Amino acid sequence: MSEDKRKINPSGMEIAAPRLTEQKASVAENAVFSLAVVLLGVLGAAWCFISAFSLPVLSLTVNLYALLFAAVFTLSYFLNRLRIYIHFLLIVLYSIAAWHFRFAMAQGFVITTNQIMKTYANHSGLNLPVYLVTVKTELYPEVCTLFLVFILFIVTGLVCCAVIKQKSLRLTFFATAPFLLAALAFTITPNFIAVLSLFTCWTALLLTRLPAEK
C-alpha cells in the first residue's frame, strides 16, 4: 500500500494530503428510507386504484394497514436471521384471517368489481354487467375495505421484496403500475397526490436503487 503524502507547514506540523471519506448510512437510516419508498409505492398504487374507481372505503383504515404491513415487511428484511420465521407467521395469520372473513371478502370483491364495471361503462359507452351484492348498502365501505386490505397485504409484500431485497425498479414497477394503468387505459384520472406518490417511489429507486452506502 502506498503511504499517505504529507506536507510540513512552517510550524513544523505534518499535514496529510486531503482526501474524500465516505460516511455509511446506519441500518436504521437504511430501514427508514426503505420504509418511506415502500409506503410511497404502496399508498400511491392503492389510492390511484381507489380514487379512479370511486371505491367506498374507510380511508384511515386503509392507510393504517398500509403502514402496518410496510413496517412489518421492512423490518423482516432487515432481520435476516428471523425473516423466514416472520414471513411464515405472516402467511399463517393471513390464511387464518382470509378463511375467517371469506364471505365478507367475497362481497367486497363483488362491490369492487361492480364499481370498476360502472366506471368503465361510463367512460366507454359499453354495456358491462353488474353483479348482485347481498350485504346492506351501509356495509359497503366495511366489506370493500376488508377486501382491499387483504389485497394490500400481498402488494406490500411484493413491493418490499422488489425494493429492499431485489433493489429492482422493474419489479417495483410491475407490482404497482397495474393499479395506475387500469385507470389510464380508459382515460380515467386518479387522484393527483396518489400518482405523484407513485412516481416519487419509482424516481427514488431509479436514482438510488437503495444501496445507501453508495
N, C-alpha and C. Protein backbone atom coordinates (compact mmCIF):
# COMPACT_ATOMS: atom_id res chain seq x y z
N MET A 1 0.84 -1.19 0.00
CA MET A 1 0.00 0.00 0.00
C MET A 1 0.88 1.24 0.00
N SER A 2 0.46 2.25 -0.76
CA SER A 2 1.25 3.48 -0.81
C SER A 2 0.98 4.31 0.42
N GLU A 3 2.04 4.97 0.90
CA GLU A 3 1.90 5.79 2.08
C GLU A 3 1.23 7.11 1.74
N ASP A 4 0.51 7.69 2.73
CA ASP A 4 -0.13 8.98 2.52
C ASP A 4 0.92 10.05 2.28
N LYS A 5 0.64 10.92 1.31
CA LYS A 5 1.53 12.04 1.06
C LYS A 5 1.30 13.10 2.13
N ARG A 6 2.41 13.55 2.75
CA ARG A 6 2.29 14.53 3.82
C ARG A 6 3.13 15.76 3.49
N LYS A 7 2.68 16.91 3.97
CA LYS A 7 3.40 18.15 3.81
C LYS A 7 3.72 18.71 5.19
N ILE A 8 4.83 19.41 5.26
CA ILE A 8 5.24 20.04 6.52
C ILE A 8 5.04 21.53 6.38
N ASN A 9 4.19 22.10 7.24
CA ASN A 9 3.95 23.54 7.18
C ASN A 9 5.03 24.28 7.98
N PRO A 10 5.10 25.61 7.88
CA PRO A 10 6.15 26.36 8.58
C PRO A 10 6.24 26.11 10.07
N SER A 11 5.16 25.71 10.70
CA SER A 11 5.20 25.46 12.15
C SER A 11 5.80 24.11 12.49
N GLY A 12 6.12 23.32 11.45
CA GLY A 12 6.73 22.02 11.69
C GLY A 12 5.75 20.88 11.82
N MET A 13 4.44 21.16 11.68
CA MET A 13 3.42 20.12 11.79
C MET A 13 3.27 19.39 10.47
N GLU A 14 3.04 18.08 10.52
CA GLU A 14 2.82 17.29 9.32
C GLU A 14 1.33 17.32 8.97
N ILE A 15 1.04 17.65 7.72
CA ILE A 15 -0.35 17.74 7.26
C ILE A 15 -0.54 16.73 6.14
N ALA A 16 -1.48 15.78 6.31
CA ALA A 16 -1.75 14.78 5.28
C ALA A 16 -2.48 15.43 4.12
N ALA A 17 -2.25 14.86 2.93
CA ALA A 17 -2.93 15.37 1.74
C ALA A 17 -4.44 15.16 1.89
N PRO A 18 -5.25 16.12 1.47
CA PRO A 18 -6.71 15.97 1.62
C PRO A 18 -7.24 14.81 0.81
N ARG A 19 -8.23 14.11 1.32
CA ARG A 19 -8.86 13.01 0.61
C ARG A 19 -10.31 12.90 1.01
N LEU A 20 -11.09 12.34 0.13
CA LEU A 20 -12.52 12.18 0.39
C LEU A 20 -12.76 10.97 1.28
N THR A 21 -13.70 11.06 2.17
CA THR A 21 -14.08 9.93 3.01
C THR A 21 -15.55 9.67 2.84
N GLU A 22 -15.95 8.40 2.94
CA GLU A 22 -17.35 8.01 2.80
C GLU A 22 -17.98 7.83 4.17
N GLN A 23 -19.19 8.27 4.28
CA GLN A 23 -19.94 8.07 5.51
C GLN A 23 -21.09 7.12 5.24
N LYS A 24 -20.98 5.92 5.79
CA LYS A 24 -22.01 4.92 5.54
C LYS A 24 -23.25 5.19 6.38
N ALA A 25 -24.39 4.99 5.74
CA ALA A 25 -25.64 5.15 6.47
C ALA A 25 -25.83 3.99 7.43
N SER A 26 -26.45 4.27 8.56
CA SER A 26 -26.70 3.23 9.54
C SER A 26 -27.82 2.32 9.07
N VAL A 27 -27.94 1.18 9.73
CA VAL A 27 -29.02 0.24 9.40
C VAL A 27 -30.38 0.90 9.62
N ALA A 28 -30.49 1.68 10.70
CA ALA A 28 -31.75 2.35 10.99
C ALA A 28 -32.11 3.35 9.90
N GLU A 29 -31.11 4.09 9.41
CA GLU A 29 -31.37 5.05 8.35
C GLU A 29 -31.80 4.35 7.06
N ASN A 30 -31.11 3.25 6.74
CA ASN A 30 -31.50 2.47 5.56
C ASN A 30 -32.93 1.94 5.69
N ALA A 31 -33.27 1.47 6.89
CA ALA A 31 -34.61 0.91 7.12
C ALA A 31 -35.68 1.99 6.96
N VAL A 32 -35.43 3.18 7.52
CA VAL A 32 -36.40 4.27 7.41
C VAL A 32 -36.56 4.70 5.96
N PHE A 33 -35.44 4.81 5.25
CA PHE A 33 -35.51 5.20 3.84
C PHE A 33 -36.27 4.16 3.03
N SER A 34 -35.98 2.89 3.26
CA SER A 34 -36.67 1.81 2.55
C SER A 34 -38.16 1.84 2.85
N LEU A 35 -38.51 2.03 4.11
CA LEU A 35 -39.92 2.09 4.51
C LEU A 35 -40.63 3.23 3.80
N ALA A 36 -39.96 4.39 3.68
CA ALA A 36 -40.57 5.54 3.02
C ALA A 36 -40.83 5.25 1.55
N VAL A 37 -39.86 4.62 0.87
CA VAL A 37 -40.03 4.31 -0.54
C VAL A 37 -41.15 3.28 -0.74
N VAL A 38 -41.18 2.28 0.12
CA VAL A 38 -42.23 1.25 0.04
C VAL A 38 -43.61 1.89 0.25
N LEU A 39 -43.74 2.75 1.25
CA LEU A 39 -45.02 3.39 1.52
C LEU A 39 -45.47 4.26 0.36
N LEU A 40 -44.53 4.98 -0.25
CA LEU A 40 -44.87 5.80 -1.41
C LEU A 40 -45.45 4.93 -2.52
N GLY A 41 -44.82 3.78 -2.75
CA GLY A 41 -45.30 2.90 -3.81
C GLY A 41 -46.63 2.25 -3.48
N VAL A 42 -46.76 1.74 -2.27
CA VAL A 42 -47.97 1.02 -1.88
C VAL A 42 -49.17 1.97 -1.79
N LEU A 43 -49.01 3.08 -1.07
CA LEU A 43 -50.12 4.01 -0.93
C LEU A 43 -50.45 4.68 -2.27
N GLY A 44 -49.42 4.97 -3.05
CA GLY A 44 -49.66 5.55 -4.37
C GLY A 44 -50.49 4.64 -5.24
N ALA A 45 -50.10 3.36 -5.28
CA ALA A 45 -50.84 2.39 -6.09
C ALA A 45 -52.27 2.20 -5.56
N ALA A 46 -52.39 2.08 -4.24
CA ALA A 46 -53.71 1.85 -3.63
C ALA A 46 -54.67 3.00 -3.92
N TRP A 47 -54.21 4.23 -3.73
CA TRP A 47 -55.11 5.36 -3.89
C TRP A 47 -55.32 5.74 -5.35
N CYS A 48 -54.40 5.37 -6.24
CA CYS A 48 -54.68 5.51 -7.67
C CYS A 48 -55.89 4.65 -8.03
N PHE A 49 -55.90 3.44 -7.51
CA PHE A 49 -56.97 2.49 -7.80
C PHE A 49 -58.27 2.92 -7.12
N ILE A 50 -58.19 3.28 -5.84
CA ILE A 50 -59.39 3.65 -5.09
C ILE A 50 -60.04 4.90 -5.66
N SER A 51 -59.22 5.92 -5.94
CA SER A 51 -59.77 7.19 -6.43
C SER A 51 -60.29 7.07 -7.86
N ALA A 52 -59.62 6.27 -8.69
CA ALA A 52 -60.03 6.15 -10.09
C ALA A 52 -61.41 5.52 -10.20
N PHE A 53 -61.70 4.55 -9.35
CA PHE A 53 -62.96 3.82 -9.45
C PHE A 53 -63.96 4.19 -8.34
N SER A 54 -63.64 5.24 -7.59
CA SER A 54 -64.54 5.74 -6.54
C SER A 54 -64.99 4.62 -5.61
N LEU A 55 -64.04 3.85 -5.12
CA LEU A 55 -64.37 2.72 -4.25
C LEU A 55 -64.78 3.22 -2.87
N PRO A 56 -65.84 2.64 -2.30
CA PRO A 56 -66.28 3.06 -0.96
C PRO A 56 -65.41 2.40 0.11
N VAL A 57 -64.43 3.11 0.62
CA VAL A 57 -63.52 2.54 1.60
C VAL A 57 -63.41 3.45 2.81
N LEU A 58 -62.88 2.89 3.90
CA LEU A 58 -62.57 3.66 5.10
C LEU A 58 -61.12 4.12 4.96
N SER A 59 -60.92 5.38 4.65
CA SER A 59 -59.60 5.89 4.29
C SER A 59 -58.56 5.67 5.38
N LEU A 60 -58.89 6.00 6.61
CA LEU A 60 -57.94 5.86 7.70
C LEU A 60 -57.52 4.40 7.89
N THR A 61 -58.48 3.49 7.76
CA THR A 61 -58.18 2.07 7.92
C THR A 61 -57.20 1.59 6.85
N VAL A 62 -57.44 1.99 5.61
CA VAL A 62 -56.54 1.61 4.52
C VAL A 62 -55.13 2.13 4.78
N ASN A 63 -55.01 3.38 5.18
CA ASN A 63 -53.70 3.98 5.42
C ASN A 63 -52.96 3.33 6.59
N LEU A 64 -53.70 3.05 7.65
CA LEU A 64 -53.07 2.44 8.82
C LEU A 64 -52.58 1.02 8.53
N TYR A 65 -53.39 0.25 7.81
CA TYR A 65 -52.96 -1.11 7.47
C TYR A 65 -51.79 -1.08 6.49
N ALA A 66 -51.78 -0.13 5.58
CA ALA A 66 -50.64 0.00 4.66
C ALA A 66 -49.37 0.28 5.45
N LEU A 67 -49.44 1.18 6.42
CA LEU A 67 -48.29 1.48 7.27
C LEU A 67 -47.85 0.27 8.07
N LEU A 68 -48.82 -0.45 8.65
CA LEU A 68 -48.51 -1.63 9.45
C LEU A 68 -47.83 -2.70 8.60
N PHE A 69 -48.40 -3.02 7.45
CA PHE A 69 -47.82 -4.05 6.58
C PHE A 69 -46.43 -3.65 6.10
N ALA A 70 -46.28 -2.39 5.70
CA ALA A 70 -44.98 -1.92 5.21
C ALA A 70 -43.93 -1.99 6.31
N ALA A 71 -44.30 -1.61 7.53
CA ALA A 71 -43.36 -1.64 8.65
C ALA A 71 -42.92 -3.07 8.98
N VAL A 72 -43.88 -3.98 9.02
CA VAL A 72 -43.56 -5.38 9.36
C VAL A 72 -42.69 -6.02 8.28
N PHE A 73 -43.04 -5.85 7.02
CA PHE A 73 -42.26 -6.44 5.94
C PHE A 73 -40.87 -5.81 5.87
N THR A 74 -40.80 -4.51 6.03
CA THR A 74 -39.48 -3.84 6.00
C THR A 74 -38.61 -4.34 7.13
N LEU A 75 -39.16 -4.44 8.32
CA LEU A 75 -38.41 -4.94 9.47
C LEU A 75 -37.91 -6.36 9.21
N SER A 76 -38.75 -7.18 8.60
CA SER A 76 -38.36 -8.57 8.35
C SER A 76 -37.15 -8.67 7.43
N TYR A 77 -37.02 -7.75 6.47
CA TYR A 77 -35.90 -7.79 5.54
C TYR A 77 -34.61 -7.25 6.16
N PHE A 78 -34.74 -6.56 7.29
CA PHE A 78 -33.54 -6.10 7.99
C PHE A 78 -33.19 -7.01 9.16
N LEU A 79 -33.99 -8.03 9.40
CA LEU A 79 -33.69 -9.05 10.40
C LEU A 79 -33.48 -10.37 9.65
N ASN A 80 -32.33 -10.49 9.03
CA ASN A 80 -32.07 -11.59 8.11
C ASN A 80 -32.30 -12.96 8.73
N ARG A 81 -31.85 -13.15 9.97
CA ARG A 81 -31.96 -14.47 10.60
C ARG A 81 -33.41 -14.83 10.95
N LEU A 82 -34.23 -13.81 11.15
CA LEU A 82 -35.63 -14.06 11.55
C LEU A 82 -36.60 -13.93 10.39
N ARG A 83 -36.11 -13.55 9.21
CA ARG A 83 -37.00 -13.25 8.10
C ARG A 83 -37.91 -14.42 7.76
N ILE A 84 -37.35 -15.60 7.64
CA ILE A 84 -38.15 -16.75 7.22
C ILE A 84 -39.24 -17.06 8.23
N TYR A 85 -38.95 -16.87 9.53
CA TYR A 85 -39.94 -17.15 10.57
C TYR A 85 -41.04 -16.08 10.56
N ILE A 86 -40.65 -14.83 10.36
CA ILE A 86 -41.64 -13.75 10.31
C ILE A 86 -42.57 -13.94 9.12
N HIS A 87 -41.99 -14.28 7.96
CA HIS A 87 -42.82 -14.48 6.77
C HIS A 87 -43.74 -15.69 6.93
N PHE A 88 -43.24 -16.74 7.55
CA PHE A 88 -44.09 -17.91 7.78
C PHE A 88 -45.25 -17.56 8.70
N LEU A 89 -44.97 -16.80 9.75
CA LEU A 89 -46.03 -16.39 10.68
C LEU A 89 -47.04 -15.50 9.98
N LEU A 90 -46.57 -14.59 9.12
CA LEU A 90 -47.47 -13.71 8.39
C LEU A 90 -48.39 -14.50 7.45
N ILE A 91 -47.82 -15.49 6.78
CA ILE A 91 -48.62 -16.31 5.86
C ILE A 91 -49.69 -17.09 6.62
N VAL A 92 -49.32 -17.63 7.79
CA VAL A 92 -50.28 -18.37 8.60
C VAL A 92 -51.41 -17.46 9.06
N LEU A 93 -51.05 -16.29 9.59
CA LEU A 93 -52.07 -15.35 10.07
C LEU A 93 -52.95 -14.87 8.92
N TYR A 94 -52.35 -14.63 7.77
CA TYR A 94 -53.11 -14.18 6.61
C TYR A 94 -54.11 -15.26 6.18
N SER A 95 -53.67 -16.50 6.16
CA SER A 95 -54.53 -17.60 5.74
C SER A 95 -55.71 -17.78 6.70
N ILE A 96 -55.43 -17.69 8.00
CA ILE A 96 -56.49 -17.83 9.00
C ILE A 96 -57.50 -16.69 8.86
N ALA A 97 -56.99 -15.47 8.71
CA ALA A 97 -57.89 -14.31 8.57
C ALA A 97 -58.70 -14.39 7.28
N ALA A 98 -58.07 -14.82 6.19
CA ALA A 98 -58.78 -14.93 4.91
C ALA A 98 -59.91 -15.95 5.00
N TRP A 99 -59.65 -17.06 5.69
CA TRP A 99 -60.70 -18.07 5.84
C TRP A 99 -61.83 -17.56 6.73
N HIS A 100 -61.47 -16.84 7.79
CA HIS A 100 -62.48 -16.34 8.73
C HIS A 100 -63.37 -15.28 8.07
N PHE A 101 -62.80 -14.44 7.25
CA PHE A 101 -63.55 -13.33 6.62
C PHE A 101 -63.89 -13.62 5.16
N ARG A 102 -63.91 -14.88 4.78
CA ARG A 102 -64.04 -15.22 3.36
C ARG A 102 -65.34 -14.70 2.74
N PHE A 103 -66.44 -14.72 3.49
CA PHE A 103 -67.72 -14.28 2.93
C PHE A 103 -67.74 -12.76 2.76
N ALA A 104 -67.24 -12.04 3.75
CA ALA A 104 -67.16 -10.58 3.64
C ALA A 104 -66.20 -10.18 2.54
N MET A 105 -65.09 -10.91 2.42
CA MET A 105 -64.13 -10.63 1.35
C MET A 105 -64.77 -10.83 -0.02
N ALA A 106 -65.57 -11.87 -0.15
CA ALA A 106 -66.24 -12.15 -1.43
C ALA A 106 -67.18 -11.01 -1.80
N GLN A 107 -67.90 -10.48 -0.81
CA GLN A 107 -68.80 -9.36 -1.08
C GLN A 107 -68.00 -8.09 -1.41
N GLY A 108 -66.88 -7.91 -0.75
CA GLY A 108 -66.03 -6.78 -1.08
C GLY A 108 -65.47 -6.87 -2.48
N PHE A 109 -65.16 -8.09 -2.90
CA PHE A 109 -64.68 -8.30 -4.27
C PHE A 109 -65.78 -7.95 -5.28
N VAL A 110 -67.01 -8.35 -5.00
CA VAL A 110 -68.12 -8.07 -5.91
C VAL A 110 -68.38 -6.56 -5.99
N ILE A 111 -68.35 -5.89 -4.84
CA ILE A 111 -68.56 -4.44 -4.83
C ILE A 111 -67.47 -3.73 -5.63
N THR A 112 -66.23 -4.15 -5.44
CA THR A 112 -65.11 -3.56 -6.17
C THR A 112 -65.26 -3.80 -7.67
N THR A 113 -65.64 -5.02 -8.04
CA THR A 113 -65.84 -5.35 -9.45
C THR A 113 -66.95 -4.51 -10.05
N ASN A 114 -68.05 -4.34 -9.32
CA ASN A 114 -69.16 -3.53 -9.82
C ASN A 114 -68.75 -2.08 -10.05
N GLN A 115 -67.97 -1.55 -9.13
CA GLN A 115 -67.51 -0.17 -9.27
C GLN A 115 -66.61 -0.02 -10.50
N ILE A 116 -65.76 -1.00 -10.72
CA ILE A 116 -64.89 -0.97 -11.90
C ILE A 116 -65.72 -1.03 -13.18
N MET A 117 -66.70 -1.93 -13.20
CA MET A 117 -67.57 -2.07 -14.37
C MET A 117 -68.34 -0.79 -14.65
N LYS A 118 -68.89 -0.18 -13.60
CA LYS A 118 -69.66 1.05 -13.78
C LYS A 118 -68.77 2.18 -14.30
N THR A 119 -67.57 2.28 -13.77
CA THR A 119 -66.66 3.34 -14.20
C THR A 119 -66.24 3.13 -15.65
N TYR A 120 -65.90 1.89 -16.00
CA TYR A 120 -65.53 1.60 -17.39
C TYR A 120 -66.70 1.86 -18.34
N ALA A 121 -67.91 1.50 -17.91
CA ALA A 121 -69.09 1.72 -18.76
C ALA A 121 -69.33 3.21 -18.99
N ASN A 122 -69.12 4.02 -17.94
CA ASN A 122 -69.32 5.46 -18.07
C ASN A 122 -68.30 6.12 -18.98
N HIS A 123 -67.11 5.52 -19.06
CA HIS A 123 -66.05 6.13 -19.87
C HIS A 123 -65.91 5.51 -21.25
N SER A 124 -66.66 4.46 -21.51
CA SER A 124 -66.51 3.80 -22.81
C SER A 124 -67.82 3.64 -23.57
N GLY A 125 -68.93 3.75 -22.86
CA GLY A 125 -70.22 3.54 -23.51
C GLY A 125 -70.57 2.07 -23.66
N LEU A 126 -69.75 1.18 -23.11
CA LEU A 126 -70.03 -0.25 -23.18
C LEU A 126 -71.10 -0.64 -22.17
N ASN A 127 -71.79 -1.71 -22.46
CA ASN A 127 -72.81 -2.22 -21.55
C ASN A 127 -72.19 -3.38 -20.77
N LEU A 128 -71.63 -3.09 -19.61
CA LEU A 128 -70.92 -4.09 -18.82
C LEU A 128 -71.81 -4.61 -17.70
N PRO A 129 -71.64 -5.87 -17.32
CA PRO A 129 -72.51 -6.47 -16.30
C PRO A 129 -72.23 -5.92 -14.90
N VAL A 130 -73.25 -5.95 -14.07
CA VAL A 130 -73.14 -5.59 -12.66
C VAL A 130 -73.69 -6.77 -11.86
N TYR A 131 -72.97 -7.19 -10.84
CA TYR A 131 -73.31 -8.42 -10.11
C TYR A 131 -74.06 -8.12 -8.82
N LEU A 132 -74.78 -9.11 -8.35
CA LEU A 132 -75.63 -8.96 -7.17
C LEU A 132 -74.78 -8.91 -5.90
N VAL A 133 -75.11 -7.95 -5.05
CA VAL A 133 -74.45 -7.82 -3.74
C VAL A 133 -75.49 -8.11 -2.67
N THR A 134 -75.14 -8.94 -1.71
CA THR A 134 -76.12 -9.37 -0.71
C THR A 134 -76.04 -8.58 0.59
N VAL A 135 -74.99 -7.81 0.80
CA VAL A 135 -74.88 -7.05 2.05
C VAL A 135 -75.60 -5.71 1.90
N LYS A 136 -75.94 -5.13 3.02
CA LYS A 136 -76.64 -3.85 3.03
C LYS A 136 -75.72 -2.74 2.52
N THR A 137 -76.34 -1.71 1.97
CA THR A 137 -75.57 -0.61 1.38
C THR A 137 -74.67 0.07 2.40
N GLU A 138 -75.15 0.20 3.64
CA GLU A 138 -74.35 0.88 4.66
C GLU A 138 -73.10 0.08 5.05
N LEU A 139 -73.05 -1.19 4.68
CA LEU A 139 -71.88 -2.01 4.98
C LEU A 139 -70.87 -2.05 3.83
N TYR A 140 -71.18 -1.41 2.74
CA TYR A 140 -70.28 -1.42 1.58
C TYR A 140 -68.86 -0.95 1.94
N PRO A 141 -68.71 0.17 2.65
CA PRO A 141 -67.34 0.62 2.96
C PRO A 141 -66.55 -0.39 3.78
N GLU A 142 -67.21 -1.08 4.70
CA GLU A 142 -66.51 -2.03 5.56
C GLU A 142 -66.03 -3.25 4.78
N VAL A 143 -66.92 -3.86 3.99
CA VAL A 143 -66.52 -5.08 3.29
C VAL A 143 -65.57 -4.77 2.13
N CYS A 144 -65.74 -3.62 1.50
CA CYS A 144 -64.84 -3.23 0.42
C CYS A 144 -63.45 -2.94 0.99
N THR A 145 -63.40 -2.28 2.13
CA THR A 145 -62.11 -2.01 2.79
C THR A 145 -61.44 -3.31 3.20
N LEU A 146 -62.23 -4.26 3.72
CA LEU A 146 -61.68 -5.54 4.12
C LEU A 146 -61.04 -6.26 2.94
N PHE A 147 -61.72 -6.28 1.82
CA PHE A 147 -61.17 -6.92 0.63
C PHE A 147 -59.88 -6.23 0.18
N LEU A 148 -59.88 -4.90 0.17
CA LEU A 148 -58.70 -4.17 -0.28
C LEU A 148 -57.53 -4.33 0.68
N VAL A 149 -57.80 -4.47 1.96
CA VAL A 149 -56.72 -4.69 2.93
C VAL A 149 -56.02 -6.02 2.66
N PHE A 150 -56.78 -7.04 2.32
CA PHE A 150 -56.16 -8.33 2.01
C PHE A 150 -55.34 -8.24 0.73
N ILE A 151 -55.80 -7.49 -0.25
CA ILE A 151 -55.02 -7.27 -1.46
C ILE A 151 -53.77 -6.44 -1.15
N LEU A 152 -53.94 -5.47 -0.27
CA LEU A 152 -52.84 -4.58 0.12
C LEU A 152 -51.71 -5.35 0.78
N PHE A 153 -52.05 -6.36 1.54
CA PHE A 153 -51.03 -7.20 2.18
C PHE A 153 -50.13 -7.85 1.13
N ILE A 154 -50.73 -8.42 0.10
CA ILE A 154 -49.95 -9.08 -0.96
C ILE A 154 -49.11 -8.07 -1.72
N VAL A 155 -49.72 -6.94 -2.06
CA VAL A 155 -48.99 -5.91 -2.82
C VAL A 155 -47.81 -5.38 -2.01
N THR A 156 -48.03 -5.16 -0.72
CA THR A 156 -46.95 -4.65 0.13
C THR A 156 -45.81 -5.65 0.22
N GLY A 157 -46.13 -6.93 0.33
CA GLY A 157 -45.09 -7.95 0.35
C GLY A 157 -44.27 -7.95 -0.94
N LEU A 158 -44.95 -7.83 -2.07
CA LEU A 158 -44.25 -7.81 -3.36
C LEU A 158 -43.38 -6.56 -3.50
N VAL A 159 -43.92 -5.41 -3.10
CA VAL A 159 -43.16 -4.17 -3.22
C VAL A 159 -41.95 -4.18 -2.31
N CYS A 160 -42.10 -4.67 -1.09
CA CYS A 160 -40.96 -4.76 -0.17
C CYS A 160 -39.87 -5.67 -0.73
N CYS A 161 -40.27 -6.78 -1.29
CA CYS A 161 -39.29 -7.69 -1.88
C CYS A 161 -38.57 -7.01 -3.04
N ALA A 162 -39.31 -6.32 -3.88
CA ALA A 162 -38.72 -5.65 -5.04
C ALA A 162 -37.81 -4.51 -4.63
N VAL A 163 -38.24 -3.73 -3.64
CA VAL A 163 -37.49 -2.54 -3.24
C VAL A 163 -36.29 -2.88 -2.37
N ILE A 164 -36.48 -3.73 -1.36
CA ILE A 164 -35.44 -3.95 -0.36
C ILE A 164 -34.54 -5.13 -0.72
N LYS A 165 -35.14 -6.24 -1.09
CA LYS A 165 -34.33 -7.43 -1.37
C LYS A 165 -33.73 -7.39 -2.77
N GLN A 166 -34.56 -7.18 -3.78
CA GLN A 166 -34.09 -7.20 -5.17
C GLN A 166 -33.51 -5.85 -5.61
N LYS A 167 -33.92 -4.78 -4.94
CA LYS A 167 -33.48 -3.43 -5.32
C LYS A 167 -33.72 -3.20 -6.81
N SER A 168 -34.93 -3.55 -7.24
CA SER A 168 -35.25 -3.56 -8.67
C SER A 168 -36.37 -2.57 -8.99
N LEU A 169 -36.08 -1.62 -9.83
CA LEU A 169 -37.11 -0.70 -10.31
C LEU A 169 -38.12 -1.44 -11.18
N ARG A 170 -37.64 -2.38 -11.98
CA ARG A 170 -38.53 -3.11 -12.89
C ARG A 170 -39.58 -3.89 -12.12
N LEU A 171 -39.16 -4.63 -11.09
CA LEU A 171 -40.12 -5.41 -10.31
C LEU A 171 -41.08 -4.51 -9.53
N THR A 172 -40.56 -3.41 -9.02
CA THR A 172 -41.42 -2.46 -8.32
C THR A 172 -42.47 -1.89 -9.26
N PHE A 173 -42.06 -1.57 -10.47
CA PHE A 173 -42.98 -1.05 -11.47
C PHE A 173 -44.06 -2.09 -11.80
N PHE A 174 -43.67 -3.32 -11.99
CA PHE A 174 -44.63 -4.37 -12.32
C PHE A 174 -45.62 -4.61 -11.18
N ALA A 175 -45.19 -4.39 -9.93
CA ALA A 175 -46.06 -4.62 -8.78
C ALA A 175 -47.04 -3.48 -8.53
N THR A 176 -46.70 -2.27 -8.99
CA THR A 176 -47.52 -1.11 -8.66
C THR A 176 -48.21 -0.46 -9.87
N ALA A 177 -47.57 -0.51 -11.02
CA ALA A 177 -48.10 0.19 -12.20
C ALA A 177 -49.48 -0.29 -12.64
N PRO A 178 -49.83 -1.58 -12.54
CA PRO A 178 -51.16 -2.01 -12.99
C PRO A 178 -52.32 -1.26 -12.34
N PHE A 179 -52.14 -0.80 -11.12
CA PHE A 179 -53.22 -0.07 -10.44
C PHE A 179 -53.42 1.31 -11.06
N LEU A 180 -52.37 1.87 -11.62
CA LEU A 180 -52.49 3.13 -12.34
C LEU A 180 -52.94 2.91 -13.77
N LEU A 181 -52.37 1.91 -14.42
CA LEU A 181 -52.70 1.65 -15.82
C LEU A 181 -54.14 1.20 -16.00
N ALA A 182 -54.71 0.55 -14.98
CA ALA A 182 -56.11 0.12 -15.06
C ALA A 182 -57.03 1.32 -15.24
N ALA A 183 -56.63 2.47 -14.71
CA ALA A 183 -57.42 3.69 -14.88
C ALA A 183 -57.07 4.39 -16.18
N LEU A 184 -55.78 4.53 -16.46
CA LEU A 184 -55.35 5.27 -17.65
C LEU A 184 -55.79 4.60 -18.94
N ALA A 185 -55.99 3.28 -18.91
CA ALA A 185 -56.41 2.56 -20.11
C ALA A 185 -57.74 3.08 -20.64
N PHE A 186 -58.58 3.62 -19.74
CA PHE A 186 -59.87 4.17 -20.14
C PHE A 186 -59.92 5.68 -19.88
N THR A 187 -58.75 6.31 -19.92
CA THR A 187 -58.63 7.76 -19.71
C THR A 187 -59.33 8.23 -18.44
N ILE A 188 -59.21 7.43 -17.39
CA ILE A 188 -59.73 7.81 -16.08
C ILE A 188 -58.60 8.47 -15.30
N THR A 189 -58.88 9.58 -14.67
CA THR A 189 -57.84 10.32 -13.96
C THR A 189 -57.88 10.01 -12.47
N PRO A 190 -56.84 9.35 -11.94
CA PRO A 190 -56.80 9.10 -10.49
C PRO A 190 -56.42 10.37 -9.73
N ASN A 191 -56.42 10.25 -8.43
CA ASN A 191 -56.02 11.35 -7.56
C ASN A 191 -54.59 11.77 -7.86
N PHE A 192 -54.36 13.08 -7.99
CA PHE A 192 -53.03 13.59 -8.37
C PHE A 192 -51.97 13.24 -7.33
N ILE A 193 -52.31 13.37 -6.05
CA ILE A 193 -51.33 13.08 -4.98
C ILE A 193 -50.91 11.62 -5.04
N ALA A 194 -51.86 10.72 -5.33
CA ALA A 194 -51.54 9.30 -5.43
C ALA A 194 -50.60 9.03 -6.60
N VAL A 195 -50.86 9.66 -7.73
CA VAL A 195 -49.99 9.49 -8.90
C VAL A 195 -48.60 10.04 -8.59
N LEU A 196 -48.55 11.21 -7.95
CA LEU A 196 -47.26 11.82 -7.59
C LEU A 196 -46.49 10.92 -6.63
N SER A 197 -47.18 10.32 -5.68
CA SER A 197 -46.55 9.41 -4.73
C SER A 197 -45.94 8.21 -5.45
N LEU A 198 -46.67 7.66 -6.41
CA LEU A 198 -46.19 6.51 -7.15
C LEU A 198 -44.95 6.86 -7.98
N PHE A 199 -44.99 8.00 -8.64
CA PHE A 199 -43.86 8.42 -9.45
C PHE A 199 -42.65 8.76 -8.58
N THR A 200 -42.89 9.27 -7.38
CA THR A 200 -41.79 9.55 -6.46
C THR A 200 -41.09 8.26 -6.04
N CYS A 201 -41.87 7.22 -5.80
CA CYS A 201 -41.30 5.91 -5.47
C CYS A 201 -40.41 5.41 -6.60
N TRP A 202 -40.91 5.46 -7.82
CA TRP A 202 -40.12 4.99 -8.97
C TRP A 202 -38.87 5.84 -9.16
N THR A 203 -39.00 7.14 -8.98
CA THR A 203 -37.85 8.03 -9.15
C THR A 203 -36.79 7.77 -8.10
N ALA A 204 -37.22 7.56 -6.86
CA ALA A 204 -36.26 7.27 -5.79
C ALA A 204 -35.48 6.00 -6.09
N LEU A 205 -36.16 4.99 -6.59
CA LEU A 205 -35.47 3.74 -6.94
C LEU A 205 -34.54 3.95 -8.12
N LEU A 206 -34.98 4.72 -9.09
CA LEU A 206 -34.16 4.97 -10.27
C LEU A 206 -32.87 5.68 -9.90
N LEU A 207 -32.95 6.60 -8.96
CA LEU A 207 -31.78 7.40 -8.60
C LEU A 207 -30.86 6.71 -7.61
N THR A 208 -31.40 5.85 -6.78
CA THR A 208 -30.59 5.28 -5.71
C THR A 208 -30.44 3.77 -5.76
N ARG A 209 -31.47 3.08 -6.25
CA ARG A 209 -31.52 1.62 -6.19
C ARG A 209 -31.29 1.09 -4.77
N LEU A 210 -31.43 1.99 -3.80
CA LEU A 210 -31.41 1.68 -2.37
C LEU A 210 -30.12 1.15 -1.77
N PRO A 211 -28.94 1.11 -2.43
CA PRO A 211 -27.74 0.80 -1.67
C PRO A 211 -27.23 2.09 -1.04
N ALA A 212 -27.74 2.44 0.14
CA ALA A 212 -27.48 3.74 0.74
C ALA A 212 -25.99 3.96 0.99
N GLU A 213 -25.19 2.88 1.18
CA GLU A 213 -23.79 3.08 1.45
C GLU A 213 -23.04 3.65 0.25
N LYS A 214 -23.65 3.66 -0.95
CA LYS A 214 -23.01 4.26 -2.12
C LYS A 214 -23.30 5.75 -2.22
